[in-house]
PDB file of N, CA and C in Angstrom:
ATOM      1  N   MET A   1       0.621  -0.935  -0.428  1.00  0.00           N
ATOM      2  CA  MET A   1      -0.298   0.180  -0.049  1.00  0.00           C
ATOM      3  C   MET A   1       1.306   1.071  -0.048  1.00  0.00           C
ATOM      4  N   ILE A   2       0.840   2.626  -0.415  1.00  0.00           N
ATOM      5  CA  ILE A   2       0.892   3.340  -0.693  1.00  0.00           C
ATOM      6  C   ILE A   2       0.337   4.924   0.072  1.00  0.00           C
ATOM      7  N   SER A   3       0.224   5.919   0.056  1.00  0.00           N
ATOM      8  CA  SER A   3      -0.647   7.113   0.956  1.00  0.00           C
ATOM      9  C   SER A   3      -1.656   6.642   0.602  1.00  0.00           C
ATOM     10  N   LYS A   4      -2.954   7.205   1.388  1.00  0.00           N
ATOM     11  CA  LYS A   4      -4.072   7.036   1.426  1.00  0.00           C
ATOM     12  C   LYS A   4      -4.989   5.938   0.948  1.00  0.00           C
ATOM     13  N   GLY A   5      -4.376   4.421   1.355  1.00  0.00           N
ATOM     14  CA  GLY A   5      -4.866   3.079   1.167  1.00  0.00           C
ATOM     15  C   GLY A   5      -4.664   3.265  -0.288  1.00  0.00           C
ATOM     16  N   VAL A   6      -4.131   3.691  -0.947  1.00  0.00           N
ATOM     17  CA  VAL A   6      -4.171   3.572  -2.826  1.00  0.00           C
ATOM     18  C   VAL A   6      -3.013   2.543  -2.429  1.00  0.00           C
ATOM     19  N   SER A   7      -3.601   1.046  -3.504  1.00  0.00           N
ATOM     20  CA  SER A   7      -2.836   0.442  -3.942  1.00  0.00           C
ATOM     21  C   SER A   7      -2.105   0.526  -5.563  1.00  0.00           C
ATOM     22  N   PRO A   8      -1.120  -0.358  -5.461  1.00  0.00           N
ATOM     23  CA  PRO A   8      -0.807  -0.499  -6.911  1.00  0.00           C
ATOM     24  C   PRO A   8      -1.831  -0.702  -8.218  1.00  0.00           C
ATOM     25  N   VAL A   9      -2.857  -1.548  -7.473  1.00  0.00           N
ATOM     26  CA  VAL A   9      -3.884  -1.906  -8.576  1.00  0.00           C
ATOM     27  C   VAL A   9      -4.709  -1.065  -8.723  1.00  0.00           C
ATOM     28  N   MET A  10      -5.209  -0.003  -7.458  1.00  0.00           N
ATOM     29  CA  MET A  10      -5.694   1.189  -7.851  1.00  0.00           C
ATOM     30  C   MET A  10      -5.202   2.198  -9.006  1.00  0.00           C
ATOM     31  N   LEU A  11      -3.538   2.134  -8.429  1.00  0.00           N
ATOM     32  CA  LEU A  11      -3.010   3.072  -8.979  1.00  0.00           C
ATOM     33  C   LEU A  11      -3.091   2.484 -10.887  1.00  0.00           C
ATOM     34  N   ALA A  12      -2.997   1.760 -11.112  1.00  0.00           N
ATOM     35  CA  ALA A  12      -3.215   1.291 -12.847  1.00  0.00           C
ATOM     36  C   ALA A  12      -4.814   1.763 -13.037  1.00  0.00           C
ATOM     37  N   ALA A  13      -5.291   1.265 -12.379  1.00  0.00           N
ATOM     38  CA  ALA A  13      -6.592   1.074 -12.912  1.00  0.00           C
ATOM     39  C   ALA A  13      -7.053   2.927 -12.930  1.00  0.00           C
ATOM     40  N   LYS A  14      -6.942   3.627 -12.153  1.00  0.00           N
ATOM     41  CA  LYS A  14      -7.052   4.840 -12.040  1.00  0.00           C
ATOM     42  C   LYS A  14      -6.406   5.668 -13.669  1.00  0.00           C
ATOM     43  N   ASN A  15      -4.923   5.368 -13.752  1.00  0.00           N
ATOM     44  CA  ASN A  15      -4.241   5.970 -15.201  1.00  0.00           C
ATOM     45  C   ASN A  15      -4.077   4.737 -15.986  1.00  0.00           C
ATOM     46  N   GLY A  16      -5.218   3.958 -16.162  1.00  0.00           N
ATOM     47  CA  GLY A  16      -5.659   3.540 -17.280  1.00  0.00           C
ATOM     48  C   GLY A  16      -4.329   2.314 -17.930  1.00  0.00           C
ATOM     49  N   HIS A  17      -3.803   1.923 -17.273  1.00  0.00           N
ATOM     50  CA  HIS A  17      -2.655   0.730 -17.643  1.00  0.00           C
ATOM     51  C   HIS A  17      -2.814  -0.801 -17.321  1.00  0.00           C
ATOM     52  N   GLU A  18      -3.539  -0.913 -18.593  1.00  0.00           N
ATOM     53  CA  GLU A  18      -4.277  -1.832 -18.680  1.00  0.00           C
ATOM     54  C   GLU A  18      -3.003  -3.156 -18.291  1.00  0.00           C
ATOM     55  N   MET A  19      -2.080  -2.747 -19.239  1.00  0.00           N
ATOM     56  CA  MET A  19      -1.235  -4.319 -18.946  1.00  0.00           C
ATOM     57  C   MET A  19      -0.458  -4.145 -17.948  1.00  0.00           C
ATOM     58  N   ALA A  20       0.038  -2.999 -16.956  1.00  0.00           N
ATOM     59  CA  ALA A  20       0.535  -3.091 -15.629  1.00  0.00           C
ATOM     60  C   ALA A  20      -0.765  -3.814 -14.884  1.00  0.00           C
ATOM     61  N   LEU A  21      -1.457  -3.286 -14.649  1.00  0.00           N
ATOM     62  CA  LEU A  21      -3.045  -4.199 -14.182  1.00  0.00           C
ATOM     63  C   LEU A  21      -3.408  -5.239 -14.512  1.00  0.00           C
ATOM     64  N   GLN A  22      -2.925  -5.821 -15.446  1.00  0.00           N
ATOM     65  CA  GLN A  22      -3.038  -7.217 -15.722  1.00  0.00           C
ATOM     66  C   GLN A  22      -1.920  -8.233 -14.996  1.00  0.00           C
ATOM     67  N   VAL A  23      -0.560  -7.306 -14.916  1.00  0.00           N
ATOM     68  CA  VAL A  23       0.755  -7.940 -14.619  1.00  0.00           C
ATOM     69  C   VAL A  23       0.348  -8.395 -12.626  1.00  0.00           C
ATOM     70  N   LEU A  24      -0.378  -7.366 -12.532  1.00  0.00           N
ATOM     71  CA  LEU A  24      -0.635  -7.050 -11.087  1.00  0.00           C
ATOM     72  C   LEU A  24      -1.766  -7.943 -10.528  1.00  0.00           C
ATOM     73  N   VAL A  25      -2.516  -8.100 -11.573  1.00  0.00           N
ATOM     74  CA  VAL A  25      -3.715  -8.784 -10.501  1.00  0.00           C
ATOM     75  C   VAL A  25      -3.391 -10.476 -11.158  1.00  0.00           C
ATOM     76  N   LYS A  26      -2.545 -10.699 -11.353  1.00  0.00           N
ATOM     77  CA  LYS A  26      -2.216 -12.516 -11.740  1.00  0.00           C
ATOM     78  C   LYS A  26      -0.622 -12.682 -10.821  1.00  0.00           C
ATOM     79  N   ALA A  27      -0.472 -11.579 -10.178  1.00  0.00           N
ATOM     80  CA  ALA A  27       0.184 -11.996  -8.879  1.00  0.00           C
ATOM     81  C   ALA A  27       0.316 -12.635  -7.843  1.00  0.00           C
ATOM     82  N   ALA A  28       0.308 -13.327  -7.029  1.00  0.00           N
ATOM     83  CA  ALA A  28       0.327 -13.941  -6.123  1.00  0.00           C
ATOM     84  C   ALA A  28      -0.355 -13.433  -4.934  1.00  0.00           C
ATOM     85  N   GLY A  29      -1.602 -13.689  -4.510  1.00  0.00           N
ATOM     86  CA  GLY A  29      -2.155 -12.942  -3.099  1.00  0.00           C
ATOM     87  C   GLY A  29      -2.621 -11.853  -3.697  1.00  0.00           C
ATOM     88  N   THR A  30      -2.916 -11.103  -4.957  1.00  0.00           N
ATOM     89  CA  THR A  30      -3.377  -9.319  -4.991  1.00  0.00           C
ATOM     90  C   THR A  30      -4.751  -9.753  -4.870  1.00  0.00           C
ATOM     91  N   GLN A  31      -4.769  -8.863  -4.063  1.00  0.00           N
ATOM     92  CA  GLN A  31      -6.400  -8.727  -3.964  1.00  0.00           C
ATOM     93  C   GLN A  31      -7.153  -7.313  -4.828  1.00  0.00           C
ATOM     94  N   VAL A  32      -8.267  -7.916  -5.684  1.00  0.00           N
ATOM     95  CA  VAL A  32      -8.757  -6.778  -6.471  1.00  0.00           C
ATOM     96  C   VAL A  32      -9.404  -5.799  -5.918  1.00  0.00           C
ATOM     97  N   ASP A  33     -10.379  -5.964  -4.885  1.00  0.00           N
ATOM     98  CA  ASP A  33     -11.817  -5.242  -4.346  1.00  0.00           C
ATOM     99  C   ASP A  33     -10.728  -4.757  -2.664  1.00  0.00           C
ATOM    100  N   LEU A  34      -9.741  -4.325  -2.935  1.00  0.00           N
ATOM    101  CA  LEU A  34      -9.500  -3.950  -1.593  1.00  0.00           C
ATOM    102  C   LEU A  34     -10.389  -2.453  -1.626  1.00  0.00           C
ATOM    103  N   THR A  35     -10.305  -1.657  -0.675  1.00  0.00           N
ATOM    104  CA  THR A  35     -10.839  -0.328  -0.656  1.00  0.00           C
ATOM    105  C   THR A  35      -9.723   0.499  -0.173  1.00  0.00           C
ATOM    106  N   ASP A  36      -9.756   1.964  -0.635  1.00  0.00           N
ATOM    107  CA  ASP A  36      -8.961   2.951  -0.205  1.00  0.00           C
ATOM    108  C   ASP A  36      -9.757   3.645   1.038  1.00  0.00           C
ATOM    109  N   GLN A  37      -9.375   4.542   1.910  1.00  0.00           N
ATOM    110  CA  GLN A  37      -9.952   5.163   2.988  1.00  0.00           C
ATOM    111  C   GLN A  37     -10.918   5.889   2.659  1.00  0.00           C
ATOM    112  N   GLU A  38     -11.407   6.239   1.431  1.00  0.00           N
ATOM    113  CA  GLU A  38     -12.771   6.647   0.917  1.00  0.00           C
ATOM    114  C   GLU A  38     -13.659   5.665   0.329  1.00  0.00           C
ATOM    115  N   GLY A  39     -13.179   4.451   0.555  1.00  0.00           N
ATOM    116  CA  GLY A  39     -14.051   3.218   0.365  1.00  0.00           C
ATOM    117  C   GLY A  39     -13.816   2.803  -1.082  1.00  0.00           C
ATOM    118  N   ARG A  40     -13.362   3.401  -2.134  1.00  0.00           N
ATOM    119  CA  ARG A  40     -13.368   3.464  -3.211  1.00  0.00           C
ATOM    120  C   ARG A  40     -12.156   1.923  -3.826  1.00  0.00           C
ATOM    121  N   THR A  41     -12.647   1.133  -4.826  1.00  0.00           N
ATOM    122  CA  THR A  41     -12.018  -0.177  -5.121  1.00  0.00           C
ATOM    123  C   THR A  41     -11.330   0.710  -6.385  1.00  0.00           C
ATOM    124  N   ALA A  42     -10.693  -0.491  -6.893  1.00  0.00           N
ATOM    125  CA  ALA A  42      -9.976  -0.325  -8.552  1.00  0.00           C
ATOM    126  C   ALA A  42     -11.185  -0.314  -8.961  1.00  0.00           C
ATOM    127  N   LEU A  43     -11.650  -1.360  -9.463  1.00  0.00           N
ATOM    128  CA  LEU A  43     -13.205  -1.379 -10.071  1.00  0.00           C
ATOM    129  C   LEU A  43     -13.697   0.530 -10.264  1.00  0.00           C
ATOM    130  N   LEU A  44     -13.663   1.053  -9.063  1.00  0.00           N
ATOM    131  CA  LEU A  44     -14.449   2.389  -9.402  1.00  0.00           C
ATOM    132  C   LEU A  44     -13.383   3.441 -10.065  1.00  0.00           C
ATOM    133  N   TYR A  45     -11.959   3.301  -9.571  1.00  0.00           N
ATOM    134  CA  TYR A  45     -10.843   4.452 -10.146  1.00  0.00           C
ATOM    135  C   TYR A  45     -11.164   4.149 -11.646  1.00  0.00           C
ATOM    136  N   SER A  46     -11.367   2.097 -12.194  1.00  0.00           N
ATOM    137  CA  SER A  46     -11.267   2.736 -13.819  1.00  0.00           C
ATOM    138  C   SER A  46     -12.719   2.865 -14.566  1.00  0.00           C
ATOM    139  N   ILE A  47     -14.207   3.573 -12.911  1.00  0.00           N
ATOM    140  CA  ILE A  47     -15.402   3.806 -14.277  1.00  0.00           C
ATOM    141  C   ILE A  47     -15.013   5.281 -13.658  1.00  0.00           C
ATOM    142  N   ARG A  48     -14.600   5.371 -12.742  1.00  0.00           N
ATOM    143  CA  ARG A  48     -14.690   7.313 -12.603  1.00  0.00           C
ATOM    144  C   ARG A  48     -13.767   8.371 -13.556  1.00  0.00           C
ATOM    145  N   HIS A  49     -12.263   7.655 -14.066  1.00  0.00           N
ATOM    146  CA  HIS A  49     -11.296   7.634 -14.668  1.00  0.00           C
ATOM    147  C   HIS A  49     -11.899   7.391 -16.423  1.00  0.00           C
ATOM    148  N   ASN A  50     -12.774   7.143 -16.507  1.00  0.00           N
ATOM    149  CA  ASN A  50     -13.184   6.412 -17.932  1.00  0.00           C
ATOM    150  C   ASN A  50     -12.216   4.913 -19.014  1.00  0.00           C
ATOM    151  N   HIS A  51     -11.725   4.269 -17.956  1.00  0.00           N
ATOM    152  CA  HIS A  51     -10.799   3.041 -18.827  1.00  0.00           C
ATOM    153  C   HIS A  51     -11.551   2.035 -18.584  1.00  0.00           C
ATOM    154  N   PRO A  52     -12.576   1.868 -19.209  1.00  0.00           N
ATOM    155  CA  PRO A  52     -13.161   0.459 -19.902  1.00  0.00           C
ATOM    156  C   PRO A  52     -12.354  -0.925 -19.846  1.00  0.00           C
ATOM    157  N   GLN A  53     -11.124  -0.722 -20.449  1.00  0.00           N
ATOM    158  CA  GLN A  53     -10.299  -2.042 -20.695  1.00  0.00           C
ATOM    159  C   GLN A  53      -9.953  -2.553 -19.163  1.00  0.00           C
ATOM    160  N   CYS A  54      -9.898  -1.381 -18.199  1.00  0.00           N
ATOM    161  CA  CYS A  54      -8.966  -1.704 -16.488  1.00  0.00           C
ATOM    162  C   CYS A  54     -10.182  -2.284 -16.130  1.00  0.00           C
ATOM    163  N   LEU A  55     -11.800  -1.794 -16.437  1.00  0.00           N
ATOM    164  CA  LEU A  55     -12.902  -2.275 -15.513  1.00  0.00           C
ATOM    165  C   LEU A  55     -13.166  -3.864 -16.481  1.00  0.00           C
ATOM    166  N   THR A  56     -12.950  -3.834 -17.593  1.00  0.00           N
ATOM    167  CA  THR A  56     -12.885  -5.114 -17.860  1.00  0.00           C
ATOM    168  C   THR A  56     -11.749  -6.602 -17.394  1.00  0.00           C
ATOM    169  N   ALA A  57     -10.894  -5.923 -17.354  1.00  0.00           N
ATOM    170  CA  ALA A  57      -9.440  -6.489 -16.564  1.00  0.00           C
ATOM    171  C   ALA A  57      -9.854  -7.086 -15.122  1.00  0.00           C
ATOM    172  N   LEU A  58     -10.100  -6.517 -14.738  1.00  0.00           N
ATOM    173  CA  LEU A  58     -10.307  -6.415 -12.800  1.00  0.00           C
ATOM    174  C   LEU A  58     -11.948  -7.330 -12.937  1.00  0.00           C
ATOM    175  N   ILE A  59     -12.622  -7.043 -14.192  1.00  0.00           N
ATOM    176  CA  ILE A  59     -14.403  -8.281 -13.265  1.00  0.00           C
ATOM    177  C   ILE A  59     -13.235  -9.354 -13.862  1.00  0.00           C
ATOM    178  N   VAL A  60     -12.867  -9.673 -15.434  1.00  0.00           N
ATOM    179  CA  VAL A  60     -12.420 -10.846 -15.600  1.00  0.00           C
ATOM    180  C   VAL A  60     -11.357 -11.990 -14.431  1.00  0.00           C
ATOM    181  N   ALA A  61     -10.672 -10.712 -13.660  1.00  0.00           N
ATOM    182  CA  ALA A  61      -9.788 -11.249 -12.118  1.00  0.00           C
ATOM    183  C   ALA A  61     -10.487 -11.220 -11.391  1.00  0.00           C
ATOM    184  N   GLY A  62     -11.742 -10.817 -11.140  1.00  0.00           N
ATOM    185  CA  GLY A  62     -12.909 -11.625  -9.984  1.00  0.00           C
ATOM    186  C   GLY A  62     -13.210 -10.478  -9.200  1.00  0.00           C
ATOM    187  N   ALA A  63     -12.702  -9.378  -9.580  1.00  0.00           N
ATOM    188  CA  ALA A  63     -13.862  -8.190  -8.787  1.00  0.00           C
ATOM    189  C   ALA A  63     -14.678  -8.143  -8.929  1.00  0.00           C
ATOM    190  N   ASP A  64     -15.765  -7.670  -7.992  1.00  0.00           N
ATOM    191  CA  ASP A  64     -16.871  -7.668  -7.288  1.00  0.00           C
ATOM    192  C   ASP A  64     -17.527  -6.510  -7.893  1.00  0.00           C
ATOM    193  N   PRO A  65     -18.510  -6.907  -8.964  1.00  0.00           N
ATOM    194  CA  PRO A  65     -19.231  -5.761  -9.618  1.00  0.00           C
ATOM    195  C   PRO A  65     -20.230  -5.135  -8.827  1.00  0.00           C
ATOM    196  N   ASP A  66     -20.488  -6.123  -8.215  1.00  0.00           N
ATOM    197  CA  ASP A  66     -22.132  -5.848  -7.265  1.00  0.00           C
ATOM    198  C   ASP A  66     -21.577  -5.285  -5.493  1.00  0.00           C
ATOM    199  N   GLY A  67     -19.951  -5.074  -5.462  1.00  0.00           N
ATOM    200  CA  GLY A  67     -19.092  -4.576  -4.203  1.00  0.00           C
ATOM    201  C   GLY A  67     -19.851  -3.409  -3.926  1.00  0.00           C
ATOM    202  N   LYS A  68     -20.396  -2.979  -2.962  1.00  0.00           N
ATOM    203  CA  LYS A  68     -20.396  -1.883  -2.568  1.00  0.00           C
ATOM    204  C   LYS A  68     -19.482  -0.680  -2.172  1.00  0.00           C
ATOM    205  N   ILE A  69     -19.669   0.354  -2.676  1.00  0.00           N
ATOM    206  CA  ILE A  69     -18.921   1.520  -2.433  1.00  0.00           C
ATOM    207  C   ILE A  69     -19.581   2.509  -1.982  1.00  0.00           C
ATOM    208  N   CYS A  70     -19.198   3.615  -1.400  1.00  0.00           N
ATOM    209  CA  CYS A  70     -18.975   4.603  -0.931  1.00  0.00           C
ATOM    210  C   CYS A  70     -19.150   5.759  -1.989  1.00  0.00           C
ATOM    211  N   CYS A  71     -20.588   6.725  -2.139  1.00  0.00           N
ATOM    212  CA  CYS A  71     -20.523   7.677  -2.716  1.00  0.00           C
ATOM    213  C   CYS A  71     -20.788   8.992  -2.286  1.00  0.00           C
ATOM    214  N   ILE A  72     -20.691  10.134  -2.798  1.00  0.00           N
ATOM    215  CA  ILE A  72     -20.561  12.032  -2.542  1.00  0.00           C
ATOM    216  C   ILE A  72     -21.792  11.710  -0.785  1.00  0.00           C
ATOM    217  N   SER A  73     -22.896  10.886  -0.828  1.00  0.00           N
ATOM    218  CA  SER A  73     -24.242  11.079   0.022  1.00  0.00           C
ATOM    219  C   SER A  73     -24.026  10.400   0.870  1.00  0.00           C
ATOM    220  N   GLY A  74     -22.488   9.501   0.828  1.00  0.00           N
ATOM    221  CA  GLY A  74     -22.553   8.429   1.744  1.00  0.00           C
ATOM    222  C   GLY A  74     -23.573   7.151   1.512  1.00  0.00           C
ATOM    223  N   GLU A  75     -24.303   7.197   0.453  1.00  0.00           N
ATOM    224  CA  GLU A  75     -25.011   5.731   0.309  1.00  0.00           C
ATOM    225  C   GLU A  75     -24.127   4.691  -0.349  1.00  0.00           C
ATOM    226  N   LYS A  76     -24.394   3.370   0.233  1.00  0.00           N
ATOM    227  CA  LYS A  76     -23.590   2.464  -0.526  1.00  0.00           C
ATOM    228  C   LYS A  76     -24.016   1.720  -1.824  1.00  0.00           C
ATOM    229  N   LEU A  77     -23.200   2.044  -2.991  1.00  0.00           N
ATOM    230  CA  LEU A  77     -23.949   1.421  -3.913  1.00  0.00           C
ATOM    231  C   LEU A  77     -23.199   0.336  -5.003  1.00  0.00           C
ATOM    232  N   GLY A  78     -23.689  -0.249  -5.352  1.00  0.00           N
ATOM    233  CA  GLY A  78     -22.465  -1.126  -6.549  1.00  0.00           C
ATOM    234  C   GLY A  78     -21.975  -0.669  -7.167  1.00  0.00           C
ATOM    235  N   ALA A  79     -20.841  -1.023  -7.755  1.00  0.00           N
ATOM    236  CA  ALA A  79     -19.437  -0.009  -8.557  1.00  0.00           C
ATOM    237  C   ALA A  79     -20.332   0.361  -9.958  1.00  0.00           C
ATOM    238  N   LEU A  80     -20.956  -0.993 -10.704  1.00  0.00           N
ATOM    239  CA  LEU A  80     -21.544  -0.659 -11.916  1.00  0.00           C
ATOM    240  C   LEU A  80     -23.206   0.376 -11.899  1.00  0.00           C
ATOM    241  N   ILE A  81     -23.763   0.212 -10.765  1.00  0.00           N
ATOM    242  CA  ILE A  81     -24.778   1.465 -10.192  1.00  0.00           C
ATOM    243  C   ILE A  81     -24.172   2.418 -10.333  1.00  0.00           C
ATOM    244  N   PHE A  82     -23.087   2.578  -9.472  1.00  0.00           N
ATOM    245  CA  PHE A  82     -22.387   4.226  -9.922  1.00  0.00           C
ATOM    246  C   PHE A  82     -21.804   4.772 -11.092  1.00  0.00           C
ATOM    247  N   SER A  83     -21.520   3.886 -11.533  1.00  0.00           N
ATOM    248  CA  SER A  83     -21.246   4.484 -12.934  1.00  0.00           C
ATOM    249  C   SER A  83     -22.466   4.993 -13.935  1.00  0.00           C
ATOM    250  N   ILE A  84     -23.296   4.770 -13.382  1.00  0.00           N
ATOM    251  CA  ILE A  84     -24.363   4.960 -14.587  1.00  0.00           C
ATOM    252  C   ILE A  84     -24.668   6.420 -14.563  1.00  0.00           C
TER     253      ILE A  84
END
């Protein structure tokens, strides 16, 4: 982990680095559904920063599209519902 609980997987998803993301998710012990201090997952980072290729890679790697994330209102929504 690095500052504010943001993992390398989250950074790759946020910045659209699909190849790096694929290498990271194949590494032994990598958890794709970790959350940062704000409750965001790598899946949410890929959605919010418009990287559908990373979204797909994360789902293929086992990320939970129905995993609940926090939004501004404090509600917990599924990541894919949040993306709409």
